[in-house]
Amino acid sequence: MTPQTTLQLILTIAIIAFATLLTRALPFFLFPVGKETPAVVRYLGSVLPFAVIGMLVIYCFKNISIFSGSRGLPELIASAFVILVHKWKHNLLLSIAGGTVVYMVLVQAVF
């Protein structure tokens, strides 16, 4: 592997900066303030958050084996904790942070 030149580094940073700016600014050009947002975009805006959360939940539980190890108990206990705290306090940050702490304590100290 050859070492990168200064020009390559500058070009790489410039391309990354341009791509980031483009992804941030493009929605403002496609959907200006006075123009109505298309129905498909509104639909996706209402459906995608739930789909993403569902996929994250599936991803978190995909490697659990009920036939070996702790049989998924730390994951299930931490998930129950997240649900209960969220129903109780209605605070997303507290629910997720608390569930993470509970899971880490269970994995490191109990199971």
N, C-alpha and C. Protein backbone atom coordinates (compact mmCIF):
# COMPACT_ATOMS: atom_id res chain seq x y z
N MET A 1 0.85 -1.17 0.00
CA MET A 1 0.00 0.00 0.00
C MET A 1 0.90 1.23 0.00
N THR A 2 0.55 2.17 -0.84
CA THR A 2 1.36 3.39 -0.93
C THR A 2 0.81 4.45 0.01
N PRO A 3 1.68 5.27 0.55
CA PRO A 3 1.19 6.35 1.43
C PRO A 3 0.42 7.38 0.62
N GLN A 4 -0.56 7.96 1.24
CA GLN A 4 -1.40 8.94 0.55
C GLN A 4 -0.68 10.29 0.46
N THR A 5 -0.90 10.95 -0.62
CA THR A 5 -0.33 12.28 -0.78
C THR A 5 -1.26 13.30 -0.14
N THR A 6 -0.76 14.48 0.03
CA THR A 6 -1.57 15.56 0.60
C THR A 6 -2.75 15.88 -0.31
N LEU A 7 -2.53 15.85 -1.61
CA LEU A 7 -3.61 16.12 -2.56
C LEU A 7 -4.73 15.09 -2.43
N GLN A 8 -4.37 13.82 -2.28
CA GLN A 8 -5.39 12.78 -2.11
C GLN A 8 -6.20 13.02 -0.84
N LEU A 9 -5.53 13.38 0.23
CA LEU A 9 -6.24 13.64 1.49
C LEU A 9 -7.18 14.83 1.35
N ILE A 10 -6.72 15.90 0.71
CA ILE A 10 -7.56 17.08 0.52
C ILE A 10 -8.77 16.75 -0.35
N LEU A 11 -8.55 16.01 -1.43
CA LEU A 11 -9.66 15.62 -2.30
C LEU A 11 -10.66 14.72 -1.58
N THR A 12 -10.16 13.80 -0.80
CA THR A 12 -11.05 12.91 -0.04
C THR A 12 -11.91 13.70 0.94
N ILE A 13 -11.29 14.61 1.68
CA ILE A 13 -12.04 15.42 2.64
C ILE A 13 -13.04 16.32 1.91
N ALA A 14 -12.66 16.88 0.78
CA ALA A 14 -13.56 17.74 0.01
C ALA A 14 -14.76 16.96 -0.51
N ILE A 15 -14.54 15.76 -1.00
CA ILE A 15 -15.64 14.93 -1.51
C ILE A 15 -16.59 14.54 -0.38
N ILE A 16 -16.03 14.17 0.76
CA ILE A 16 -16.87 13.81 1.91
C ILE A 16 -17.67 15.02 2.37
N ALA A 17 -17.03 16.19 2.44
CA ALA A 17 -17.74 17.40 2.87
C ALA A 17 -18.86 17.75 1.89
N PHE A 18 -18.58 17.63 0.59
CA PHE A 18 -19.61 17.93 -0.42
C PHE A 18 -20.78 16.95 -0.31
N ALA A 19 -20.48 15.68 -0.15
CA ALA A 19 -21.55 14.68 -0.04
C ALA A 19 -22.39 14.92 1.20
N THR A 20 -21.75 15.28 2.30
CA THR A 20 -22.49 15.57 3.52
C THR A 20 -23.37 16.80 3.34
N LEU A 21 -22.82 17.85 2.76
CA LEU A 21 -23.60 19.05 2.50
C LEU A 21 -24.77 18.76 1.56
N LEU A 22 -24.53 17.96 0.55
CA LEU A 22 -25.58 17.62 -0.40
C LEU A 22 -26.72 16.88 0.28
N THR A 23 -26.40 15.91 1.13
CA THR A 23 -27.46 15.15 1.80
C THR A 23 -28.23 16.01 2.79
N ARG A 24 -27.57 17.04 3.35
CA ARG A 24 -28.27 17.93 4.28
C ARG A 24 -29.12 18.97 3.55
N ALA A 25 -28.65 19.45 2.42
CA ALA A 25 -29.33 20.56 1.73
C ALA A 25 -30.36 20.09 0.71
N LEU A 26 -30.20 18.89 0.17
CA LEU A 26 -31.07 18.42 -0.90
C LEU A 26 -32.56 18.43 -0.54
N PRO A 27 -32.96 18.02 0.66
CA PRO A 27 -34.40 18.08 0.98
C PRO A 27 -34.97 19.50 0.92
N PHE A 28 -34.17 20.51 1.25
CA PHE A 28 -34.67 21.88 1.19
C PHE A 28 -34.89 22.33 -0.26
N PHE A 29 -34.09 21.79 -1.18
CA PHE A 29 -34.27 22.13 -2.59
C PHE A 29 -35.43 21.34 -3.20
N LEU A 30 -35.57 20.08 -2.79
CA LEU A 30 -36.64 19.25 -3.36
C LEU A 30 -38.02 19.62 -2.81
N PHE A 31 -38.06 20.02 -1.55
CA PHE A 31 -39.33 20.33 -0.90
C PHE A 31 -39.28 21.73 -0.28
N PRO A 32 -39.41 22.77 -1.09
CA PRO A 32 -39.35 24.13 -0.54
C PRO A 32 -40.53 24.42 0.38
N VAL A 33 -40.41 25.51 1.12
CA VAL A 33 -41.40 25.82 2.16
C VAL A 33 -42.80 25.99 1.61
N GLY A 34 -42.98 26.68 0.51
CA GLY A 34 -44.31 26.95 -0.01
C GLY A 34 -44.95 25.77 -0.74
N LYS A 35 -44.17 24.76 -1.07
CA LYS A 35 -44.67 23.64 -1.86
C LYS A 35 -45.14 22.51 -0.93
N GLU A 36 -46.25 21.86 -1.31
CA GLU A 36 -46.78 20.77 -0.49
C GLU A 36 -45.90 19.53 -0.63
N THR A 37 -45.68 18.88 0.48
CA THR A 37 -44.88 17.66 0.49
C THR A 37 -45.66 16.53 -0.17
N PRO A 38 -45.03 15.76 -1.06
CA PRO A 38 -45.74 14.66 -1.72
C PRO A 38 -46.28 13.64 -0.73
N ALA A 39 -47.38 13.02 -1.10
CA ALA A 39 -48.04 12.05 -0.21
C ALA A 39 -47.14 10.88 0.14
N VAL A 40 -46.34 10.42 -0.81
CA VAL A 40 -45.47 9.27 -0.54
C VAL A 40 -44.42 9.63 0.51
N VAL A 41 -43.93 10.85 0.49
CA VAL A 41 -42.94 11.27 1.48
C VAL A 41 -43.58 11.38 2.86
N ARG A 42 -44.79 11.92 2.92
CA ARG A 42 -45.51 11.98 4.20
C ARG A 42 -45.79 10.58 4.74
N TYR A 43 -46.17 9.66 3.83
CA TYR A 43 -46.44 8.28 4.25
C TYR A 43 -45.17 7.64 4.81
N LEU A 44 -44.07 7.79 4.09
CA LEU A 44 -42.80 7.21 4.57
C LEU A 44 -42.38 7.83 5.90
N GLY A 45 -42.62 9.12 6.05
CA GLY A 45 -42.28 9.79 7.30
C GLY A 45 -43.08 9.27 8.49
N SER A 46 -44.27 8.78 8.23
CA SER A 46 -45.09 8.25 9.33
C SER A 46 -44.84 6.76 9.58
N VAL A 47 -44.36 6.04 8.59
CA VAL A 47 -44.21 4.58 8.71
C VAL A 47 -42.78 4.16 9.05
N LEU A 48 -41.80 4.82 8.48
CA LEU A 48 -40.41 4.38 8.62
C LEU A 48 -39.88 4.36 10.06
N PRO A 49 -40.21 5.33 10.92
CA PRO A 49 -39.68 5.22 12.29
C PRO A 49 -40.07 3.91 12.99
N PHE A 50 -41.30 3.47 12.81
CA PHE A 50 -41.73 2.22 13.43
C PHE A 50 -41.03 1.01 12.79
N ALA A 51 -40.83 1.06 11.49
CA ALA A 51 -40.13 -0.03 10.80
C ALA A 51 -38.68 -0.12 11.26
N VAL A 52 -38.04 1.01 11.44
CA VAL A 52 -36.64 1.01 11.88
C VAL A 52 -36.54 0.46 13.30
N ILE A 53 -37.42 0.88 14.19
CA ILE A 53 -37.41 0.36 15.56
C ILE A 53 -37.66 -1.14 15.55
N GLY A 54 -38.59 -1.60 14.74
CA GLY A 54 -38.84 -3.04 14.64
C GLY A 54 -37.62 -3.80 14.16
N MET A 55 -36.93 -3.27 13.16
CA MET A 55 -35.72 -3.93 12.68
C MET A 55 -34.62 -3.93 13.73
N LEU A 56 -34.50 -2.86 14.51
CA LEU A 56 -33.50 -2.82 15.58
C LEU A 56 -33.79 -3.86 16.66
N VAL A 57 -35.07 -4.02 16.98
CA VAL A 57 -35.43 -5.03 17.97
C VAL A 57 -35.10 -6.43 17.46
N ILE A 58 -35.44 -6.70 16.22
CA ILE A 58 -35.11 -8.01 15.63
C ILE A 58 -33.61 -8.22 15.60
N TYR A 59 -32.86 -7.19 15.23
CA TYR A 59 -31.40 -7.29 15.19
C TYR A 59 -30.83 -7.58 16.58
N CYS A 60 -31.40 -6.98 17.62
CA CYS A 60 -30.90 -7.21 18.98
C CYS A 60 -31.14 -8.64 19.45
N PHE A 61 -32.20 -9.26 18.98
CA PHE A 61 -32.54 -10.60 19.44
C PHE A 61 -32.13 -11.71 18.47
N LYS A 62 -31.47 -11.39 17.38
CA LYS A 62 -31.23 -12.39 16.32
C LYS A 62 -30.24 -13.48 16.72
N ASN A 63 -29.30 -13.20 17.61
CA ASN A 63 -28.29 -14.20 17.96
C ASN A 63 -28.55 -14.89 19.29
N ILE A 64 -29.74 -14.76 19.81
CA ILE A 64 -30.05 -15.41 21.09
C ILE A 64 -30.32 -16.89 20.84
N SER A 65 -29.67 -17.72 21.65
CA SER A 65 -29.91 -19.15 21.59
C SER A 65 -30.57 -19.59 22.89
N ILE A 66 -31.76 -20.14 22.78
CA ILE A 66 -32.46 -20.59 23.99
C ILE A 66 -31.96 -21.94 24.46
N PHE A 67 -31.05 -22.55 23.71
CA PHE A 67 -30.55 -23.87 24.05
C PHE A 67 -29.16 -23.84 24.67
N SER A 68 -28.53 -22.69 24.78
CA SER A 68 -27.18 -22.64 25.34
C SER A 68 -26.97 -21.32 26.08
N GLY A 69 -25.94 -21.29 26.89
CA GLY A 69 -25.57 -20.07 27.61
C GLY A 69 -26.64 -19.62 28.58
N SER A 70 -26.89 -18.34 28.60
CA SER A 70 -27.87 -17.79 29.54
C SER A 70 -29.28 -17.85 29.00
N ARG A 71 -29.46 -18.48 27.84
CA ARG A 71 -30.76 -18.72 27.21
C ARG A 71 -31.55 -17.44 26.93
N GLY A 72 -30.83 -16.33 26.74
CA GLY A 72 -31.47 -15.07 26.40
C GLY A 72 -32.11 -14.33 27.56
N LEU A 73 -31.85 -14.79 28.78
CA LEU A 73 -32.46 -14.14 29.94
C LEU A 73 -31.99 -12.69 30.13
N PRO A 74 -30.69 -12.38 30.00
CA PRO A 74 -30.31 -10.97 30.17
C PRO A 74 -31.01 -10.05 29.17
N GLU A 75 -31.13 -10.51 27.93
CA GLU A 75 -31.78 -9.70 26.91
C GLU A 75 -33.25 -9.49 27.22
N LEU A 76 -33.92 -10.56 27.63
CA LEU A 76 -35.35 -10.46 27.94
C LEU A 76 -35.60 -9.61 29.18
N ILE A 77 -34.76 -9.75 30.20
CA ILE A 77 -34.91 -8.94 31.42
C ILE A 77 -34.68 -7.46 31.11
N ALA A 78 -33.62 -7.17 30.35
CA ALA A 78 -33.32 -5.78 30.00
C ALA A 78 -34.43 -5.21 29.12
N SER A 79 -34.97 -6.00 28.21
CA SER A 79 -36.07 -5.53 27.35
C SER A 79 -37.32 -5.24 28.18
N ALA A 80 -37.63 -6.11 29.12
CA ALA A 80 -38.77 -5.88 30.00
C ALA A 80 -38.56 -4.61 30.83
N PHE A 81 -37.32 -4.40 31.27
CA PHE A 81 -37.00 -3.19 32.02
C PHE A 81 -37.25 -1.95 31.16
N VAL A 82 -36.80 -1.98 29.92
CA VAL A 82 -36.99 -0.84 29.01
C VAL A 82 -38.48 -0.55 28.83
N ILE A 83 -39.26 -1.58 28.60
CA ILE A 83 -40.69 -1.40 28.39
C ILE A 83 -41.37 -0.84 29.63
N LEU A 84 -41.04 -1.41 30.79
CA LEU A 84 -41.67 -0.95 32.03
C LEU A 84 -41.29 0.49 32.37
N VAL A 85 -40.01 0.82 32.25
CA VAL A 85 -39.58 2.19 32.56
C VAL A 85 -40.20 3.18 31.57
N HIS A 86 -40.30 2.78 30.31
CA HIS A 86 -40.89 3.70 29.34
C HIS A 86 -42.38 3.90 29.60
N LYS A 87 -43.08 2.85 29.96
CA LYS A 87 -44.50 2.99 30.30
C LYS A 87 -44.69 3.85 31.55
N TRP A 88 -43.73 3.74 32.49
CA TRP A 88 -43.82 4.45 33.76
C TRP A 88 -43.46 5.93 33.61
N LYS A 89 -42.30 6.22 32.98
CA LYS A 89 -41.78 7.58 32.93
C LYS A 89 -41.97 8.29 31.59
N HIS A 90 -42.24 7.56 30.52
CA HIS A 90 -42.38 8.13 29.18
C HIS A 90 -41.16 8.95 28.77
N ASN A 91 -39.98 8.42 29.13
CA ASN A 91 -38.72 9.09 28.81
C ASN A 91 -37.85 8.12 28.03
N LEU A 92 -37.69 8.38 26.74
CA LEU A 92 -36.96 7.46 25.87
C LEU A 92 -35.50 7.30 26.29
N LEU A 93 -34.84 8.41 26.60
CA LEU A 93 -33.44 8.35 26.99
C LEU A 93 -33.25 7.55 28.27
N LEU A 94 -34.10 7.77 29.25
CA LEU A 94 -34.02 7.02 30.50
C LEU A 94 -34.28 5.54 30.27
N SER A 95 -35.22 5.22 29.42
CA SER A 95 -35.54 3.82 29.14
C SER A 95 -34.37 3.10 28.48
N ILE A 96 -33.80 3.71 27.45
CA ILE A 96 -32.71 3.06 26.73
C ILE A 96 -31.45 2.99 27.57
N ALA A 97 -31.09 4.09 28.23
CA ALA A 97 -29.88 4.09 29.07
C ALA A 97 -30.05 3.11 30.23
N GLY A 98 -31.21 3.10 30.85
CA GLY A 98 -31.44 2.17 31.96
C GLY A 98 -31.40 0.72 31.51
N GLY A 99 -32.00 0.44 30.36
CA GLY A 99 -31.95 -0.92 29.83
C GLY A 99 -30.55 -1.36 29.50
N THR A 100 -29.74 -0.44 28.97
CA THR A 100 -28.35 -0.77 28.68
C THR A 100 -27.58 -1.07 29.95
N VAL A 101 -27.78 -0.27 30.98
CA VAL A 101 -27.11 -0.51 32.27
C VAL A 101 -27.54 -1.84 32.86
N VAL A 102 -28.84 -2.12 32.85
CA VAL A 102 -29.34 -3.39 33.38
C VAL A 102 -28.74 -4.56 32.60
N TYR A 103 -28.72 -4.46 31.29
CA TYR A 103 -28.16 -5.54 30.48
C TYR A 103 -26.68 -5.75 30.78
N MET A 104 -25.91 -4.68 30.86
CA MET A 104 -24.47 -4.81 31.11
C MET A 104 -24.21 -5.39 32.50
N VAL A 105 -24.98 -4.98 33.49
CA VAL A 105 -24.81 -5.55 34.84
C VAL A 105 -25.15 -7.03 34.83
N LEU A 106 -26.23 -7.40 34.16
CA LEU A 106 -26.60 -8.81 34.09
C LEU A 106 -25.54 -9.64 33.38
N VAL A 107 -25.01 -9.14 32.28
CA VAL A 107 -24.02 -9.90 31.51
C VAL A 107 -22.70 -9.98 32.25
N GLN A 108 -22.29 -8.88 32.87
CA GLN A 108 -20.97 -8.85 33.52
C GLN A 108 -20.95 -9.48 34.90
N ALA A 109 -22.04 -9.35 35.66
CA ALA A 109 -22.00 -9.78 37.05
C ALA A 109 -22.88 -10.98 37.37
N VAL A 110 -23.97 -11.16 36.66
CA VAL A 110 -24.92 -12.20 37.04
C VAL A 110 -24.77 -13.44 36.17
N PHE A 111 -24.80 -13.28 34.87
CA PHE A 111 -24.78 -14.45 33.98
C PHE A 111 -23.37 -14.71 33.49
